[in-house]
Amino acid sequence: MDEIQVPQVRWPERSPAGDWLKGASAVVVIGVDVDAESPVLARGEHYISHLTTMSHQAYGPRAGVPRILDLLDRYRLPATFFVPGVSAERWPSVMESVMERGHEIALHGFTHRHPVHLSEGEQRAEIERSLETFSRFGVQPVGYRAPNWEMTRYTLDLLGGFGLRYDSSLMDDDRPYALRSGGGATIAELPVQWLLDDWEQYAFLPEPNIGQLIEAPSKVVDLWTAELEAMRGFGSLCMLTVHPFLTGRPSRLRALEQFIQFALSRGDVRFARADEVAELVLAGQS
């Protein structure tokens, strides 16, 4: 019998985080992925003529983003908005309104194509084009989230090379940590998970293989509050991921508000922007 060769995963070097909790039992980061039309157009430019599909996605920047911003204002909470470069170009009002409200804007690819399907040169071009687009708004991002959270080792090396301070795409922990990229730079990793993503609960698009069953917002409240309550016992990072074309809908926005109210009622849960958590993670790193 031939010997079976077990492939070895080459994990990046990682090190413990600094004191990012600052006395809290858990930290919540509200991450808003302003994808707009980009995920559909990344599947094929012919979708530009599918007005129903495009209108489904445009709900995010047209209605969802303003409502989410108003909700954050009511509770005086910070958030991080991950914006693909094409979304910034198509919807400059989103960039302007997020900046005016004092929230962080971070990278989310340019076209929303998944890095695992791109060459090294294409990945570099995606980041470069996004940085150039953001610079026209006076935004110098320090963080990155891979489209569909599908990051590669080369993506990680690029982030360090471009001077970015953190990534939020990996899933091997529920507490942040520091990562060393191939170029020797150290960046913070702010882990994510599908449980805390509204896409898995709400997404349904009128095209094959894009969406699934739509869940009731009440189930989402149960899922997210139960996870946060348990996280308080482990000192975890609750990296919430919401999409304005999903959570911006009225009943779902109410679900997000109920989650916020639950978190605030605990008294020991802190809300923060992703860049603020990242700087605490990196404090003391050599």
Protein backbone atom coordinates (compact mmCIF):
# COMPACT_ATOMS: atom_id res chain seq x y z
CA MET A 1 0.00 0.00 0.00
CA ASP A 2 1.35 3.40 -0.96
CA GLU A 3 2.07 5.75 1.91
CA ILE A 4 -0.41 8.59 2.11
CA GLN A 5 1.26 11.97 2.18
CA VAL A 6 -0.46 14.41 4.50
CA PRO A 7 -0.01 17.99 3.29
CA GLN A 8 1.27 20.39 5.92
CA VAL A 9 -0.28 23.80 6.30
CA ARG A 10 2.34 26.55 6.49
CA TRP A 11 0.84 28.81 9.13
CA PRO A 12 2.12 32.36 9.49
CA GLU A 13 4.09 33.08 12.64
CA ARG A 14 1.78 34.46 15.31
CA SER A 15 2.24 36.01 18.72
CA PRO A 16 -0.04 36.98 21.63
CA ALA A 17 -1.94 40.23 21.54
CA GLY A 18 -1.45 43.19 23.81
CA ASP A 19 -4.13 44.20 26.31
CA TRP A 20 -6.93 44.79 23.82
CA LEU A 21 -9.78 44.04 26.26
CA LYS A 22 -8.91 46.93 28.61
CA GLY A 23 -11.01 45.48 31.43
CA ALA A 24 -14.01 44.50 29.29
CA SER A 25 -15.42 40.97 29.31
CA ALA A 26 -15.71 41.09 25.51
CA VAL A 27 -15.32 43.65 22.73
CA VAL A 28 -17.83 44.16 19.92
CA VAL A 29 -16.76 45.52 16.55
CA ILE A 30 -19.62 46.30 14.19
CA GLY A 31 -18.16 45.64 10.76
CA VAL A 32 -20.28 46.95 7.88
CA ASP A 33 -19.44 45.46 4.47
CA VAL A 34 -20.68 47.98 1.90
CA ASP A 35 -20.59 45.56 -1.03
CA ALA A 36 -23.41 47.16 -3.05
CA GLU A 37 -23.39 45.68 -6.58
CA SER A 38 -19.79 44.43 -6.45
CA PRO A 39 -20.35 40.73 -5.47
CA VAL A 40 -22.78 40.24 -8.35
CA LEU A 41 -20.72 42.11 -10.93
CA ALA A 42 -17.65 40.12 -9.84
CA ARG A 43 -19.49 37.05 -11.13
CA GLY A 44 -19.96 38.64 -14.54
CA GLU A 45 -20.39 42.12 -16.01
CA HIS A 46 -23.50 40.95 -17.89
CA TYR A 47 -25.38 41.40 -14.59
CA ILE A 48 -25.20 45.16 -15.13
CA SER A 49 -28.30 44.80 -17.32
CA HIS A 50 -30.23 42.78 -14.67
CA LEU A 51 -32.03 45.71 -13.11
CA THR A 52 -33.87 43.73 -10.42
CA THR A 53 -30.64 42.14 -9.20
CA MET A 54 -28.81 45.46 -9.33
CA SER A 55 -31.63 47.20 -7.46
CA HIS A 56 -31.49 44.52 -4.75
CA GLN A 57 -27.85 45.37 -4.16
CA ALA A 58 -28.30 49.13 -4.52
CA TYR A 59 -30.67 49.07 -1.55
CA GLY A 60 -27.55 48.93 0.60
CA PRO A 61 -25.99 52.30 -0.24
CA ARG A 62 -29.34 53.97 -1.00
CA ALA A 63 -31.29 53.01 2.13
CA GLY A 64 -29.30 50.65 4.33
CA VAL A 65 -26.18 52.74 4.98
CA PRO A 66 -28.08 55.88 6.08
CA ARG A 67 -30.24 53.82 8.44
CA ILE A 68 -27.28 52.02 9.97
CA LEU A 69 -25.48 55.34 10.44
CA ASP A 70 -28.53 56.79 12.17
CA LEU A 71 -28.74 53.76 14.45
CA LEU A 72 -25.08 54.11 15.41
CA ASP A 73 -25.64 57.80 16.10
CA ARG A 74 -28.55 57.08 18.44
CA TYR A 75 -26.35 54.90 20.62
CA ARG A 76 -23.15 56.89 20.02
CA LEU A 77 -21.34 53.77 18.84
CA PRO A 78 -18.29 53.45 16.57
CA ALA A 79 -18.10 51.10 13.59
CA THR A 80 -15.80 50.05 10.77
CA PHE A 81 -17.04 50.14 7.17
CA PHE A 82 -15.27 47.75 4.76
CA VAL A 83 -15.76 49.18 1.27
CA PRO A 84 -14.74 47.65 -2.08
CA GLY A 85 -13.07 50.18 -4.36
CA VAL A 86 -15.80 49.92 -6.98
CA SER A 87 -18.44 50.64 -4.32
CA ALA A 88 -16.53 53.77 -3.32
CA GLU A 89 -16.44 54.90 -6.96
CA ARG A 90 -20.11 54.11 -7.64
CA TRP A 91 -21.40 55.54 -4.36
CA PRO A 92 -19.19 58.45 -3.27
CA SER A 93 -21.98 59.64 -0.95
CA VAL A 94 -21.37 56.55 1.19
CA MET A 95 -17.72 57.42 1.68
CA GLU A 96 -18.60 61.01 2.50
CA SER A 97 -21.37 60.18 4.99
CA VAL A 98 -19.31 57.52 6.80
CA MET A 99 -16.40 59.94 7.10
CA GLU A 100 -18.67 62.73 8.36
CA ARG A 101 -19.99 60.46 11.14
CA GLY A 102 -16.44 59.63 12.30
CA HIS A 103 -16.37 55.92 11.49
CA GLU A 104 -13.43 53.95 10.11
CA ILE A 105 -13.24 53.01 6.42
CA ALA A 106 -11.18 49.92 5.55
CA LEU A 107 -10.28 47.98 2.40
CA HIS A 108 -12.46 45.18 1.02
CA GLY A 109 -10.82 44.45 -2.30
CA PHE A 110 -11.52 46.53 -5.40
CA THR A 111 -13.88 44.41 -7.51
CA HIS A 112 -14.89 42.01 -4.68
CA ARG A 113 -13.30 39.13 -6.59
CA HIS A 114 -12.08 36.50 -4.14
CA PRO A 115 -8.27 36.53 -3.69
CA VAL A 116 -8.04 32.72 -3.85
CA HIS A 117 -9.08 32.99 -7.52
CA LEU A 118 -6.62 35.77 -8.38
CA SER A 119 -2.96 35.72 -9.33
CA GLU A 120 -0.39 37.50 -7.19
CA GLY A 121 -0.31 40.37 -9.67
CA GLU A 122 -4.10 40.67 -9.71
CA GLN A 123 -4.21 40.75 -5.92
CA ARG A 124 -1.63 43.53 -5.87
CA ALA A 125 -3.58 45.50 -8.47
CA GLU A 126 -6.79 45.17 -6.41
CA ILE A 127 -5.13 46.71 -3.36
CA GLU A 128 -3.34 49.41 -5.35
CA ARG A 129 -6.53 50.49 -7.13
CA SER A 130 -8.46 50.60 -3.85
CA LEU A 131 -5.78 52.69 -2.17
CA GLU A 132 -5.76 55.10 -5.10
CA THR A 133 -9.56 55.40 -5.01
CA PHE A 134 -9.63 55.93 -1.24
CA SER A 135 -6.93 58.59 -1.49
CA ARG A 136 -9.27 60.71 -3.62
CA PHE A 137 -11.57 60.88 -0.60
CA GLY A 138 -8.70 61.67 1.75
CA VAL A 139 -8.91 58.21 3.34
CA GLN A 140 -5.73 56.34 4.28
CA PRO A 141 -6.97 52.89 5.36
CA VAL A 142 -5.08 50.77 7.87
CA GLY A 143 -7.21 47.61 7.68
CA TYR A 144 -8.35 44.99 5.20
CA ARG A 145 -11.02 42.32 4.87
CA ALA A 146 -10.77 39.83 2.01
CA PRO A 147 -13.88 39.49 -0.15
CA ASN A 148 -15.74 36.39 1.06
CA TRP A 149 -12.95 36.13 3.69
CA GLU A 150 -10.90 34.10 1.16
CA MET A 151 -7.38 35.29 1.87
CA THR A 152 -4.14 33.66 0.68
CA ARG A 153 -0.60 33.75 2.06
CA TYR A 154 0.33 36.22 -0.67
CA THR A 155 -2.54 38.48 0.40
CA LEU A 156 -1.09 38.57 3.90
CA ASP A 157 2.36 39.47 2.59
CA LEU A 158 0.89 42.26 0.48
CA LEU A 159 -0.89 43.80 3.45
CA GLY A 160 2.35 44.13 5.37
CA GLY A 161 4.12 45.46 2.31
CA PHE A 162 1.52 48.21 1.87
CA GLY A 163 1.85 49.21 5.51
CA LEU A 164 -1.61 48.05 6.59
CA ARG A 165 -2.04 47.39 10.31
CA TYR A 166 -4.64 44.64 10.45
CA ASP A 167 -6.64 42.00 8.60
CA SER A 168 -10.10 40.64 9.43
CA SER A 169 -10.51 37.50 7.31
CA LEU A 170 -9.31 34.44 9.27
CA MET A 171 -11.25 32.09 11.52
CA ASP A 172 -8.83 30.14 13.71
CA ASP A 173 -9.60 31.97 16.96
CA ASP A 174 -12.21 34.19 18.60
CA ARG A 175 -9.61 36.49 20.12
CA PRO A 176 -7.28 38.74 18.12
CA TYR A 177 -3.59 38.06 17.73
CA ALA A 178 -0.53 39.37 15.90
CA LEU A 179 0.70 37.87 12.60
CA ARG A 180 4.05 38.22 10.88
CA SER A 181 3.82 38.53 7.11
CA GLY A 182 6.38 37.17 4.67
CA GLY A 183 7.94 40.60 4.35
CA GLY A 184 8.61 40.71 8.09
CA ALA A 185 5.85 43.18 8.95
CA THR A 186 3.61 42.45 11.93
CA ILE A 187 -0.13 43.00 11.56
CA ALA A 188 -3.09 42.31 13.85
CA GLU A 189 -5.61 39.63 12.94
CA LEU A 190 -9.20 40.29 14.03
CA PRO A 191 -10.92 36.92 13.45
CA VAL A 192 -14.36 36.48 11.94
CA GLN A 193 -16.92 33.66 11.88
CA TRP A 194 -19.96 32.81 9.78
CA LEU A 195 -22.25 32.70 12.81
CA LEU A 196 -21.85 36.45 13.28
CA ASP A 197 -22.40 37.30 9.59
CA ASP A 198 -25.85 38.38 8.43
CA TRP A 199 -25.18 36.89 4.98
CA GLU A 200 -25.67 33.35 6.27
CA GLN A 201 -29.03 34.31 7.77
CA TYR A 202 -30.61 36.71 5.31
CA ALA A 203 -29.01 36.46 1.89
CA PHE A 204 -31.15 35.50 -1.02
CA LEU A 205 -30.51 36.82 -4.52
CA PRO A 206 -32.59 35.94 -7.59
CA GLU A 207 -29.67 34.15 -9.25
CA PRO A 208 -28.50 30.51 -8.89
CA ASN A 209 -26.05 29.61 -6.12
CA ILE A 210 -25.90 33.06 -4.53
CA GLY A 211 -28.38 32.86 -1.67
CA GLN A 212 -30.33 30.47 0.50
CA LEU A 213 -33.28 30.31 2.89
CA ILE A 214 -34.15 33.62 4.54
CA GLU A 215 -34.28 33.41 8.36
CA ALA A 216 -36.45 35.48 10.69
CA PRO A 217 -34.67 38.40 12.40
CA SER A 218 -35.74 36.96 15.76
CA LYS A 219 -33.53 33.93 15.12
CA VAL A 220 -30.60 36.20 14.34
CA VAL A 221 -31.08 38.09 17.61
CA ASP A 222 -31.04 34.75 19.46
CA LEU A 223 -27.90 33.60 17.65
CA TRP A 224 -25.92 36.80 18.13
CA THR A 225 -26.91 37.50 21.72
CA ALA A 226 -26.23 33.89 22.75
CA GLU A 227 -22.79 34.02 21.18
CA LEU A 228 -21.91 37.32 22.82
CA GLU A 229 -23.15 36.12 26.20
CA ALA A 230 -20.89 33.07 25.95
CA MET A 231 -18.00 35.17 24.65
CA ARG A 232 -18.11 37.22 27.85
CA GLY A 233 -16.81 34.15 29.66
CA PHE A 234 -13.88 33.73 27.29
CA GLY A 235 -12.73 37.31 26.74
CA SER A 236 -13.59 37.16 23.04
CA LEU A 237 -13.81 39.57 20.14
CA CYS A 238 -17.35 39.70 18.76
CA MET A 239 -16.67 40.74 15.17
CA LEU A 240 -20.14 41.35 13.80
CA THR A 241 -20.45 41.48 10.00
CA VAL A 242 -23.48 43.16 8.48
CA HIS A 243 -24.32 44.13 4.91
CA PRO A 244 -26.48 47.24 4.37
CA PHE A 245 -28.55 45.58 1.63
CA LEU A 246 -29.49 42.91 4.20
CA THR A 247 -29.41 44.39 7.71
CA GLY A 248 -30.58 47.75 6.36
CA ARG A 249 -34.09 46.30 5.93
CA PRO A 250 -36.47 47.52 8.68
CA SER A 251 -37.04 44.34 10.70
CA ARG A 252 -33.37 43.39 10.43
CA LEU A 253 -32.23 46.83 11.50
CA ARG A 254 -34.43 46.37 14.55
CA ALA A 255 -32.68 43.04 15.19
CA LEU A 256 -29.30 44.81 15.12
CA GLU A 257 -30.66 47.38 17.57
CA GLN A 258 -31.85 44.63 19.90
CA PHE A 259 -28.37 43.10 19.81
CA ILE A 260 -26.84 46.49 20.63
CA GLN A 261 -29.26 46.97 23.53
CA PHE A 262 -28.41 43.51 24.86
CA ALA A 263 -24.67 44.20 24.69
CA LEU A 264 -25.01 47.56 26.43
CA SER A 265 -27.21 46.07 29.16
CA ARG A 266 -24.34 43.79 30.26
CA GLY A 267 -22.27 46.75 31.43
CA ASP A 268 -18.91 45.10 30.77
CA VAL A 269 -18.99 44.85 26.95
CA ARG A 270 -17.04 47.50 25.04
CA PHE A 271 -17.73 48.66 21.47
CA ALA A 272 -14.77 49.72 19.33
CA ARG A 273 -13.62 50.35 15.79
CA ALA A 274 -11.44 47.66 14.23
CA ASP A 275 -8.44 49.98 13.96
CA GLU A 276 -8.64 50.77 17.69
CA VAL A 277 -8.60 47.07 18.58
CA ALA A 278 -5.73 46.46 16.16
CA GLU A 279 -3.51 49.13 17.73
CA LEU A 280 -4.06 47.60 21.17
CA VAL A 281 -3.24 44.16 19.79
CA LEU A 282 0.01 45.44 18.29
CA ALA A 283 1.08 47.42 21.35
CA GLY A 284 4.37 46.03 22.58
CA GLN A 285 5.07 43.96 19.45
CA SER A 286 8.67 44.12 18.28
